[in-house]
Amino acid sequence: MPKLLKNFIEGKLSLPLSFWGFGFISLTAIGLVAVLIFPSMTFVRLVSYPFVIYVSIGIWRSSDKYKGKKIFSILAKTMIVIWNINQFLGLLVSLGPNY
């Protein structure tokens, strides 16, 4: 595993880099690329879910080690929870019956 990815998953990167770089920017980019490649939103969610989990772990660990204002650590963890709920519920809805 490349050193940057290893440092990220271990929470050794700064919280801003972890959240904005690996979280917001990379999740947005992967989502956009997946939407362009795959015709089904269900498949997009299935393909991107492992990365959402990976990003969540790295940001959570980085947040635990953050030495700055506590509010930023709390906000980062709140966004992780929201992202995961959104991903999970979106997957459930897309897999559900079509009315």
PDB file of N, CA and C in Angstrom:
ATOM      1  N   MET A   1       0.851  -1.182   0.000  1.00  0.00           N
ATOM      2  CA  MET A   1       0.000   0.000   0.000  1.00  0.00           C
ATOM      3  C   MET A   1       0.891   1.236   0.000  1.00  0.00           C
ATOM      4  N   PRO A   2       0.600   2.189  -0.878  1.00  0.00           N
ATOM      5  CA  PRO A   2       1.401   3.421  -0.894  1.00  0.00           C
ATOM      6  C   PRO A   2       1.377   4.125   0.461  1.00  0.00           C
ATOM      7  N   LYS A   3       2.479   4.798   0.756  1.00  0.00           N
ATOM      8  CA  LYS A   3       2.649   5.427   2.069  1.00  0.00           C
ATOM      9  C   LYS A   3       1.545   6.437   2.374  1.00  0.00           C
ATOM     10  N   LEU A   4       1.138   7.232   1.394  1.00  0.00           N
ATOM     11  CA  LEU A   4       0.091   8.227   1.628  1.00  0.00           C
ATOM     12  C   LEU A   4      -1.213   7.556   2.051  1.00  0.00           C
ATOM     13  N   LEU A   5      -1.592   6.486   1.369  1.00  0.00           N
ATOM     14  CA  LEU A   5      -2.824   5.776   1.714  1.00  0.00           C
ATOM     15  C   LEU A   5      -2.718   5.107   3.073  1.00  0.00           C
ATOM     16  N   LYS A   6      -1.541   4.585   3.377  1.00  0.00           N
ATOM     17  CA  LYS A   6      -1.300   3.948   4.678  1.00  0.00           C
ATOM     18  C   LYS A   6      -1.395   4.997   5.791  1.00  0.00           C
ATOM     19  N   ASN A   7      -0.759   6.143   5.588  1.00  0.00           N
ATOM     20  CA  ASN A   7      -0.825   7.218   6.586  1.00  0.00           C
ATOM     21  C   ASN A   7      -2.255   7.722   6.763  1.00  0.00           C
ATOM     22  N   PHE A   8      -3.000   7.777   5.668  1.00  0.00           N
ATOM     23  CA  PHE A   8      -4.386   8.228   5.757  1.00  0.00           C
ATOM     24  C   PHE A   8      -5.212   7.277   6.607  1.00  0.00           C
ATOM     25  N   ILE A   9      -5.177   5.992   6.305  1.00  0.00           N
ATOM     26  CA  ILE A   9      -6.021   5.029   7.016  1.00  0.00           C
ATOM     27  C   ILE A   9      -5.610   4.904   8.482  1.00  0.00           C
ATOM     28  N   GLU A  10      -4.368   5.219   8.787  1.00  0.00           N
ATOM     29  CA  GLU A  10      -3.904   5.188  10.181  1.00  0.00           C
ATOM     30  C   GLU A  10      -4.198   6.498  10.910  1.00  0.00           C
ATOM     31  N   GLY A  11      -4.761   7.482  10.209  1.00  0.00           N
ATOM     32  CA  GLY A  11      -5.100   8.757  10.830  1.00  0.00           C
ATOM     33  C   GLY A  11      -3.916   9.663  11.051  1.00  0.00           C
ATOM     34  N   LYS A  12      -2.849   9.453  10.303  1.00  0.00           N
ATOM     35  CA  LYS A  12      -1.627  10.237  10.490  1.00  0.00           C
ATOM     36  C   LYS A  12      -1.612  11.530   9.671  1.00  0.00           C
ATOM     37  N   LEU A  13      -2.555  11.688   8.759  1.00  0.00           N
ATOM     38  CA  LEU A  13      -2.629  12.924   7.981  1.00  0.00           C
ATOM     39  C   LEU A  13      -3.443  13.951   8.750  1.00  0.00           C
ATOM     40  N   SER A  14      -3.255  15.211   8.418  1.00  0.00           N
ATOM     41  CA  SER A  14      -4.001  16.263   9.097  1.00  0.00           C
ATOM     42  C   SER A  14      -5.494  16.096   8.835  1.00  0.00           C
ATOM     43  N   LEU A  15      -6.297  16.584   9.754  1.00  0.00           N
ATOM     44  CA  LEU A  15      -7.746  16.497   9.588  1.00  0.00           C
ATOM     45  C   LEU A  15      -8.213  17.259   8.346  1.00  0.00           C
ATOM     46  N   PRO A  16      -7.724  18.487   8.099  1.00  0.00           N
ATOM     47  CA  PRO A  16      -8.178  19.170   6.880  1.00  0.00           C
ATOM     48  C   PRO A  16      -7.850  18.400   5.596  1.00  0.00           C
ATOM     49  N   LEU A  17      -6.645  17.851   5.490  1.00  0.00           N
ATOM     50  CA  LEU A  17      -6.274  17.074   4.308  1.00  0.00           C
ATOM     51  C   LEU A  17      -7.126  15.806   4.211  1.00  0.00           C
ATOM     52  N   SER A  18      -7.317  15.138   5.318  1.00  0.00           N
ATOM     53  CA  SER A  18      -8.123  13.917   5.323  1.00  0.00           C
ATOM     54  C   SER A  18      -9.558  14.207   4.913  1.00  0.00           C
ATOM     55  N   PHE A  19     -10.150  15.224   5.529  1.00  0.00           N
ATOM     56  CA  PHE A  19     -11.558  15.527   5.268  1.00  0.00           C
ATOM     57  C   PHE A  19     -11.764  16.078   3.859  1.00  0.00           C
ATOM     58  N   TRP A  20     -11.035  17.138   3.525  1.00  0.00           N
ATOM     59  CA  TRP A  20     -11.257  17.795   2.233  1.00  0.00           C
ATOM     60  C   TRP A  20     -10.644  17.025   1.072  1.00  0.00           C
ATOM     61  N   GLY A  21      -9.432  16.516   1.257  1.00  0.00           N
ATOM     62  CA  GLY A  21      -8.749  15.809   0.166  1.00  0.00           C
ATOM     63  C   GLY A  21      -9.300  14.421  -0.085  1.00  0.00           C
ATOM     64  N   PHE A  22      -9.280  13.597   0.947  1.00  0.00           N
ATOM     65  CA  PHE A  22      -9.741  12.218   0.780  1.00  0.00           C
ATOM     66  C   PHE A  22     -11.259  12.117   0.877  1.00  0.00           C
ATOM     67  N   GLY A  23     -11.848  12.919   1.720  1.00  0.00           N
ATOM     68  CA  GLY A  23     -13.293  12.840   1.907  1.00  0.00           C
ATOM     69  C   GLY A  23     -14.055  13.555   0.833  1.00  0.00           C
ATOM     70  N   PHE A  24     -14.138  14.851   0.940  1.00  0.00           N
ATOM     71  CA  PHE A  24     -15.014  15.626   0.065  1.00  0.00           C
ATOM     72  C   PHE A  24     -14.612  15.548  -1.406  1.00  0.00           C
ATOM     73  N   ILE A  25     -13.378  15.875  -1.715  1.00  0.00           N
ATOM     74  CA  ILE A  25     -12.950  15.940  -3.121  1.00  0.00           C
ATOM     75  C   ILE A  25     -12.921  14.558  -3.772  1.00  0.00           C
ATOM     76  N   SER A  26     -12.306  13.579  -3.108  1.00  0.00           N
ATOM     77  CA  SER A  26     -12.195  12.265  -3.749  1.00  0.00           C
ATOM     78  C   SER A  26     -13.543  11.561  -3.841  1.00  0.00           C
ATOM     79  N   LEU A  27     -14.396  11.692  -2.816  1.00  0.00           N
ATOM     80  CA  LEU A  27     -15.722  11.072  -2.907  1.00  0.00           C
ATOM     81  C   LEU A  27     -16.556  11.716  -4.014  1.00  0.00           C
ATOM     82  N   THR A  28     -16.451  13.020  -4.151  1.00  0.00           N
ATOM     83  CA  THR A  28     -17.169  13.712  -5.228  1.00  0.00           C
ATOM     84  C   THR A  28     -16.657  13.261  -6.589  1.00  0.00           C
ATOM     85  N   ALA A  29     -15.351  13.193  -6.743  1.00  0.00           N
ATOM     86  CA  ALA A  29     -14.764  12.768  -8.022  1.00  0.00           C
ATOM     87  C   ALA A  29     -15.151  11.333  -8.358  1.00  0.00           C
ATOM     88  N   ILE A  30     -15.056  10.435  -7.397  1.00  0.00           N
ATOM     89  CA  ILE A  30     -15.416   9.035  -7.643  1.00  0.00           C
ATOM     90  C   ILE A  30     -16.899   8.920  -7.982  1.00  0.00           C
ATOM     91  N   GLY A  31     -17.729   9.676  -7.268  1.00  0.00           N
ATOM     92  CA  GLY A  31     -19.161   9.667  -7.561  1.00  0.00           C
ATOM     93  C   GLY A  31     -19.463  10.141  -8.968  1.00  0.00           C
ATOM     94  N   LEU A  32     -18.813  11.220  -9.390  1.00  0.00           N
ATOM     95  CA  LEU A  32     -19.042  11.747 -10.735  1.00  0.00           C
ATOM     96  C   LEU A  32     -18.577  10.774 -11.811  1.00  0.00           C
ATOM     97  N   VAL A  33     -17.413  10.199 -11.617  1.00  0.00           N
ATOM     98  CA  VAL A  33     -16.892   9.240 -12.591  1.00  0.00           C
ATOM     99  C   VAL A  33     -17.795   8.006 -12.649  1.00  0.00           C
ATOM    100  N   ALA A  34     -18.208   7.515 -11.494  1.00  0.00           N
ATOM    101  CA  ALA A  34     -19.064   6.330 -11.452  1.00  0.00           C
ATOM    102  C   ALA A  34     -20.403   6.584 -12.138  1.00  0.00           C
ATOM    103  N   VAL A  35     -20.979   7.768 -11.936  1.00  0.00           N
ATOM    104  CA  VAL A  35     -22.249   8.111 -12.581  1.00  0.00           C
ATOM    105  C   VAL A  35     -22.089   8.145 -14.098  1.00  0.00           C
ATOM    106  N   LEU A  36     -20.935   8.600 -14.565  1.00  0.00           N
ATOM    107  CA  LEU A  36     -20.701   8.655 -16.011  1.00  0.00           C
ATOM    108  C   LEU A  36     -20.459   7.267 -16.616  1.00  0.00           C
ATOM    109  N   ILE A  37     -19.889   6.371 -15.828  1.00  0.00           N
ATOM    110  CA  ILE A  37     -19.546   5.043 -16.332  1.00  0.00           C
ATOM    111  C   ILE A  37     -20.706   4.059 -16.203  1.00  0.00           C
ATOM    112  N   PHE A  38     -21.358   4.047 -15.047  1.00  0.00           N
ATOM    113  CA  PHE A  38     -22.385   3.043 -14.773  1.00  0.00           C
ATOM    114  C   PHE A  38     -23.788   3.630 -14.960  1.00  0.00           C
ATOM    115  N   PRO A  39     -24.645   2.897 -15.642  1.00  0.00           N
ATOM    116  CA  PRO A  39     -25.985   3.420 -15.922  1.00  0.00           C
ATOM    117  C   PRO A  39     -26.939   3.381 -14.726  1.00  0.00           C
ATOM    118  N   SER A  40     -26.641   2.567 -13.754  1.00  0.00           N
ATOM    119  CA  SER A  40     -27.546   2.373 -12.624  1.00  0.00           C
ATOM    120  C   SER A  40     -26.999   3.036 -11.356  1.00  0.00           C
ATOM    121  N   MET A  41     -27.830   3.830 -10.702  1.00  0.00           N
ATOM    122  CA  MET A  41     -27.414   4.475  -9.454  1.00  0.00           C
ATOM    123  C   MET A  41     -27.173   3.430  -8.367  1.00  0.00           C
ATOM    124  N   THR A  42     -27.889   2.337  -8.421  1.00  0.00           N
ATOM    125  CA  THR A  42     -27.664   1.243  -7.467  1.00  0.00           C
ATOM    126  C   THR A  42     -26.236   0.735  -7.605  1.00  0.00           C
ATOM    127  N   PHE A  43     -25.803   0.538  -8.824  1.00  0.00           N
ATOM    128  CA  PHE A  43     -24.446   0.044  -9.056  1.00  0.00           C
ATOM    129  C   PHE A  43     -23.412   1.076  -8.627  1.00  0.00           C
ATOM    130  N   VAL A  44     -23.688   2.336  -8.873  1.00  0.00           N
ATOM    131  CA  VAL A  44     -22.782   3.414  -8.444  1.00  0.00           C
ATOM    132  C   VAL A  44     -22.607   3.358  -6.933  1.00  0.00           C
ATOM    133  N   ARG A  45     -23.704   3.230  -6.207  1.00  0.00           N
ATOM    134  CA  ARG A  45     -23.631   3.168  -4.741  1.00  0.00           C
ATOM    135  C   ARG A  45     -22.886   1.920  -4.273  1.00  0.00           C
ATOM    136  N   LEU A  46     -23.132   0.794  -4.916  1.00  0.00           N
ATOM    137  CA  LEU A  46     -22.438  -0.437  -4.539  1.00  0.00           C
ATOM    138  C   LEU A  46     -20.934  -0.339  -4.780  1.00  0.00           C
ATOM    139  N   VAL A  47     -20.566   0.243  -5.899  1.00  0.00           N
ATOM    140  CA  VAL A  47     -19.146   0.369  -6.253  1.00  0.00           C
ATOM    141  C   VAL A  47     -18.437   1.356  -5.324  1.00  0.00           C
ATOM    142  N   SER A  48     -19.103   2.436  -4.971  1.00  0.00           N
ATOM    143  CA  SER A  48     -18.453   3.471  -4.168  1.00  0.00           C
ATOM    144  C   SER A  48     -18.499   3.200  -2.661  1.00  0.00           C
ATOM    145  N   TYR A  49     -19.365   2.297  -2.207  1.00  0.00           N
ATOM    146  CA  TYR A  49     -19.518   2.077  -0.765  1.00  0.00           C
ATOM    147  C   TYR A  49     -18.225   1.652  -0.056  1.00  0.00           C
ATOM    148  N   PRO A  50     -17.446   0.724  -0.616  1.00  0.00           N
ATOM    149  CA  PRO A  50     -16.186   0.380   0.063  1.00  0.00           C
ATOM    150  C   PRO A  50     -15.262   1.584   0.261  1.00  0.00           C
ATOM    151  N   PHE A  51     -15.226   2.482  -0.726  1.00  0.00           N
ATOM    152  CA  PHE A  51     -14.383   3.667  -0.590  1.00  0.00           C
ATOM    153  C   PHE A  51     -14.942   4.616   0.471  1.00  0.00           C
ATOM    154  N   VAL A  52     -16.251   4.719   0.561  1.00  0.00           N
ATOM    155  CA  VAL A  52     -16.879   5.548   1.607  1.00  0.00           C
ATOM    156  C   VAL A  52     -16.465   5.033   2.983  1.00  0.00           C
ATOM    157  N   ILE A  53     -16.471   3.731   3.153  1.00  0.00           N
ATOM    158  CA  ILE A  53     -16.071   3.132   4.435  1.00  0.00           C
ATOM    159  C   ILE A  53     -14.595   3.406   4.704  1.00  0.00           C
ATOM    160  N   TYR A  54     -13.746   3.215   3.700  1.00  0.00           N
ATOM    161  CA  TYR A  54     -12.307   3.479   3.833  1.00  0.00           C
ATOM    162  C   TYR A  54     -12.059   4.930   4.237  1.00  0.00           C
ATOM    163  N   VAL A  55     -12.717   5.853   3.544  1.00  0.00           N
ATOM    164  CA  VAL A  55     -12.568   7.285   3.834  1.00  0.00           C
ATOM    165  C   VAL A  55     -13.069   7.595   5.240  1.00  0.00           C
ATOM    166  N   SER A  56     -14.159   6.985   5.623  1.00  0.00           N
ATOM    167  CA  SER A  56     -14.724   7.212   6.959  1.00  0.00           C
ATOM    168  C   SER A  56     -13.747   6.809   8.054  1.00  0.00           C
ATOM    169  N   ILE A  57     -13.112   5.672   7.873  1.00  0.00           N
ATOM    170  CA  ILE A  57     -12.146   5.193   8.872  1.00  0.00           C
ATOM    171  C   ILE A  57     -10.966   6.156   8.979  1.00  0.00           C
ATOM    172  N   GLY A  58     -10.418   6.564   7.847  1.00  0.00           N
ATOM    173  CA  GLY A  58      -9.270   7.471   7.855  1.00  0.00           C
ATOM    174  C   GLY A  58      -9.588   8.817   8.474  1.00  0.00           C
ATOM    175  N   ILE A  59     -10.728   9.385   8.113  1.00  0.00           N
ATOM    176  CA  ILE A  59     -11.110  10.692   8.673  1.00  0.00           C
ATOM    177  C   ILE A  59     -11.404  10.564  10.166  1.00  0.00           C
ATOM    178  N   TRP A  60     -12.074   9.507  10.567  1.00  0.00           N
ATOM    179  CA  TRP A  60     -12.393   9.314  11.994  1.00  0.00           C
ATOM    180  C   TRP A  60     -11.109   9.233  12.814  1.00  0.00           C
ATOM    181  N   ARG A  61     -10.154   8.467  12.347  1.00  0.00           N
ATOM    182  CA  ARG A  61      -8.885   8.334  13.068  1.00  0.00           C
ATOM    183  C   ARG A  61      -8.126   9.651  13.088  1.00  0.00           C
ATOM    184  N   SER A  62      -8.127  10.358  11.990  1.00  0.00           N
ATOM    185  CA  SER A  62      -7.473  11.660  11.934  1.00  0.00           C
ATOM    186  C   SER A  62      -8.152  12.630  12.903  1.00  0.00           C
ATOM    187  N   SER A  63      -9.456  12.544  12.957  1.00  0.00           N
ATOM    188  CA  SER A  63     -10.237  13.393  13.851  1.00  0.00           C
ATOM    189  C   SER A  63      -9.910  13.108  15.320  1.00  0.00           C
ATOM    190  N   ASP A  64      -9.686  11.841  15.644  1.00  0.00           N
ATOM    191  CA  ASP A  64      -9.307  11.470  17.013  1.00  0.00           C
ATOM    192  C   ASP A  64      -7.965  12.075  17.416  1.00  0.00           C
ATOM    193  N   LYS A  65      -7.067  12.240  16.459  1.00  0.00           N
ATOM    194  CA  LYS A  65      -5.724  12.750  16.738  1.00  0.00           C
ATOM    195  C   LYS A  65      -5.613  14.263  16.572  1.00  0.00           C
ATOM    196  N   TYR A  66      -6.692  14.908  16.128  1.00  0.00           N
ATOM    197  CA  TYR A  66      -6.673  16.342  15.848  1.00  0.00           C
ATOM    198  C   TYR A  66      -6.443  17.142  17.127  1.00  0.00           C
ATOM    199  N   LYS A  67      -5.507  18.078  17.079  1.00  0.00           N
ATOM    200  CA  LYS A  67      -5.141  18.880  18.256  1.00  0.00           C
ATOM    201  C   LYS A  67      -5.741  20.281  18.230  1.00  0.00           C
ATOM    202  N   GLY A  68      -6.443  20.627  17.183  1.00  0.00           N
ATOM    203  CA  GLY A  68      -7.037  21.960  17.059  1.00  0.00           C
ATOM    204  C   GLY A  68      -8.338  22.072  17.835  1.00  0.00           C
ATOM    205  N   LYS A  69      -9.163  23.006  17.401  1.00  0.00           N
ATOM    206  CA  LYS A  69     -10.445  23.225  18.065  1.00  0.00           C
ATOM    207  C   LYS A  69     -11.307  21.968  17.976  1.00  0.00           C
ATOM    208  N   LYS A  70     -11.874  21.589  19.094  1.00  0.00           N
ATOM    209  CA  LYS A  70     -12.667  20.364  19.200  1.00  0.00           C
ATOM    210  C   LYS A  70     -13.861  20.357  18.241  1.00  0.00           C
ATOM    211  N   ILE A  71     -14.410  21.521  17.956  1.00  0.00           N
ATOM    212  CA  ILE A  71     -15.593  21.606  17.095  1.00  0.00           C
ATOM    213  C   ILE A  71     -15.315  21.015  15.710  1.00  0.00           C
ATOM    214  N   PHE A  72     -14.087  21.164  15.193  1.00  0.00           N
ATOM    215  CA  PHE A  72     -13.762  20.632  13.871  1.00  0.00           C
ATOM    216  C   PHE A  72     -13.730  19.105  13.874  1.00  0.00           C
ATOM    217  N   SER A  73     -13.255  18.541  14.963  1.00  0.00           N
ATOM    218  CA  SER A  73     -13.270  17.092  15.107  1.00  0.00           C
ATOM    219  C   SER A  73     -14.710  16.582  15.172  1.00  0.00           C
ATOM    220  N   ILE A  74     -15.545  17.277  15.918  1.00  0.00           N
ATOM    221  CA  ILE A  74     -16.955  16.887  16.049  1.00  0.00           C
ATOM    222  C   ILE A  74     -17.674  17.027  14.706  1.00  0.00           C
ATOM    223  N   LEU A  75     -17.429  18.129  14.007  1.00  0.00           N
ATOM    224  CA  LEU A  75     -18.071  18.340  12.703  1.00  0.00           C
ATOM    225  C   LEU A  75     -17.630  17.288  11.685  1.00  0.00           C
ATOM    226  N   ALA A  76     -16.364  16.930  11.686  1.00  0.00           N
ATOM    227  CA  ALA A  76     -15.873  15.908  10.756  1.00  0.00           C
ATOM    228  C   ALA A  76     -16.558  14.571  11.026  1.00  0.00           C
ATOM    229  N   LYS A  77     -16.663  14.196  12.286  1.00  0.00           N
ATOM    230  CA  LYS A  77     -17.321  12.929  12.636  1.00  0.00           C
ATOM    231  C   LYS A  77     -18.813  12.978  12.305  1.00  0.00           C
ATOM    232  N   THR A  78     -19.416  14.139  12.493  1.00  0.00           N
ATOM    233  CA  THR A  78     -20.835  14.290  12.136  1.00  0.00           C
ATOM    234  C   THR A  78     -21.037  14.080  10.643  1.00  0.00           C
ATOM    235  N   MET A  79     -20.154  14.652   9.835  1.00  0.00           N
ATOM    236  CA  MET A  79     -20.258  14.482   8.379  1.00  0.00           C
ATOM    237  C   MET A  79     -20.027  13.027   7.973  1.00  0.00           C
ATOM    238  N   ILE A  80     -19.138  12.338   8.652  1.00  0.00           N
ATOM    239  CA  ILE A  80     -18.911  10.923   8.363  1.00  0.00           C
ATOM    240  C   ILE A  80     -20.197  10.133   8.597  1.00  0.00           C
ATOM    241  N   VAL A  81     -20.853  10.401   9.713  1.00  0.00           N
ATOM    242  CA  VAL A  81     -22.108   9.710  10.016  1.00  0.00           C
ATOM    243  C   VAL A  81     -23.158  10.036   8.952  1.00  0.00           C
ATOM    244  N   ILE A  82     -23.266  11.303   8.580  1.00  0.00           N
ATOM    245  CA  ILE A  82     -24.246  11.710   7.561  1.00  0.00           C
ATOM    246  C   ILE A  82     -23.935  11.046   6.222  1.00  0.00           C
ATOM    247  N   TRP A  83     -22.661  11.035   5.805  1.00  0.00           N
ATOM    248  CA  TRP A  83     -22.288  10.393   4.542  1.00  0.00           C
ATOM    249  C   TRP A  83     -22.674   8.919   4.541  1.00  0.00           C
ATOM    250  N   ASN A  84     -22.395   8.228   5.655  1.00  0.00           N
ATOM    251  CA  ASN A  84     -22.681   6.798   5.711  1.00  0.00           C
ATOM    252  C   ASN A  84     -24.176   6.514   5.756  1.00  0.00           C
ATOM    253  N   ILE A  85     -24.924   7.319   6.476  1.00  0.00           N
ATOM    254  CA  ILE A  85     -26.389   7.146   6.493  1.00  0.00           C
ATOM    255  C   ILE A  85     -26.941   7.395   5.087  1.00  0.00           C
ATOM    256  N   ASN A  86     -26.486   8.456   4.446  1.00  0.00           N
ATOM    257  CA  ASN A  86     -26.922   8.777   3.094  1.00  0.00           C
ATOM    258  C   ASN A  86     -26.606   7.635   2.138  1.00  0.00           C
ATOM    259  N   GLN A  87     -25.406   7.129   2.205  1.00  0.00           N
ATOM    260  CA  GLN A  87     -24.994   6.043   1.314  1.00  0.00           C
ATOM    261  C   GLN A  87     -25.841   4.789   1.561  1.00  0.00           C
ATOM    262  N   PHE A  88     -26.018   4.438   2.818  1.00  0.00           N
ATOM    263  CA  PHE A  88     -26.759   3.224   3.165  1.00  0.00           C
ATOM    264  C   PHE A  88     -28.238   3.347   2.788  1.00  0.00           C
ATOM    265  N   LEU A  89     -28.866   4.450   3.170  1.00  0.00           N
ATOM    266  CA  LEU A  89     -30.282   4.627   2.849  1.00  0.00           C
ATOM    267  C   LEU A  89     -30.499   4.755   1.345  1.00  0.00           C
ATOM    268  N   GLY A  90     -29.590   5.435   0.664  1.00  0.00           N
ATOM    269  CA  GLY A  90     -29.684   5.530  -0.789  1.00  0.00           C
ATOM    270  C   GLY A  90     -29.594   4.165  -1.446  1.00  0.00           C
ATOM    271  N   LEU A  91     -28.744   3.316  -0.918  1.00  0.00           N
ATOM    272  CA  LEU A  91     -28.618   1.955  -1.437  1.00  0.00           C
ATOM    273  C   LEU A  91     -29.894   1.164  -1.171  1.00  0.00           C
ATOM    274  N   LEU A  92     -30.433   1.278   0.032  1.00  0.00           N
ATOM    275  CA  LEU A  92     -31.681   0.585   0.359  1.00  0.00           C
ATOM    276  C   LEU A  92     -32.820   1.027  -0.552  1.00  0.00           C
ATOM    277  N   VAL A  93     -32.934   2.329  -0.745  1.00  0.00           N
ATOM    278  CA  VAL A  93     -33.999   2.857  -1.611  1.00  0.00           C
ATOM    279  C   VAL A  93     -33.823   2.379  -3.041  1.00  0.00           C
ATOM    280  N   SER A  94     -32.601   2.389  -3.542  1.00  0.00           N
ATOM    281  CA  SER A  94     -32.380   1.982  -4.925  1.00  0.00           C
ATOM    282  C   SER A  94     -32.572   0.474  -5.122  1.00  0.00           C
ATOM    283  N   LEU A  95     -32.402  -0.308  -4.056  1.00  0.00           N
ATOM    284  CA  LEU A  95     -32.614  -1.747  -4.145  1.00  0.00           C
ATOM    285  C   LEU A  95     -34.062  -2.142  -3.904  1.00  0.00           C
ATOM    286  N   GLY A  96     -34.842  -1.230  -3.326  1.00  0.00           N
ATOM    287  CA  GLY A  96     -36.231  -1.499  -2.977  1.00  0.00           C
ATOM    288  C   GLY A  96     -37.122  -1.665  -4.189  1.00  0.00           C
ATOM    289  N   PRO A  97     -38.377  -2.035  -3.928  1.00  0.00           N
ATOM    290  CA  PRO A  97     -39.322  -2.220  -5.047  1.00  0.00           C
ATOM    291  C   PRO A  97     -39.611  -0.905  -5.748  1.00  0.00           C
ATOM    292  N   ASN A  98     -39.804  -0.983  -7.026  1.00  0.00           N
ATOM    293  CA  ASN A  98     -40.134   0.200  -7.825  1.00  0.00           C
ATOM    294  C   ASN A  98     -41.649   0.319  -7.913  1.00  0.00           C
ATOM    295  N   TYR A  99     -42.163   1.429  -7.439  1.00  0.00           N
ATOM    296  CA  TYR A  99     -43.619   1.626  -7.451  1.00  0.00           C
ATOM    297  C   TYR A  99     -44.028   2.472  -8.599  1.00  0.00           C
TER     298      TYR A  99
END
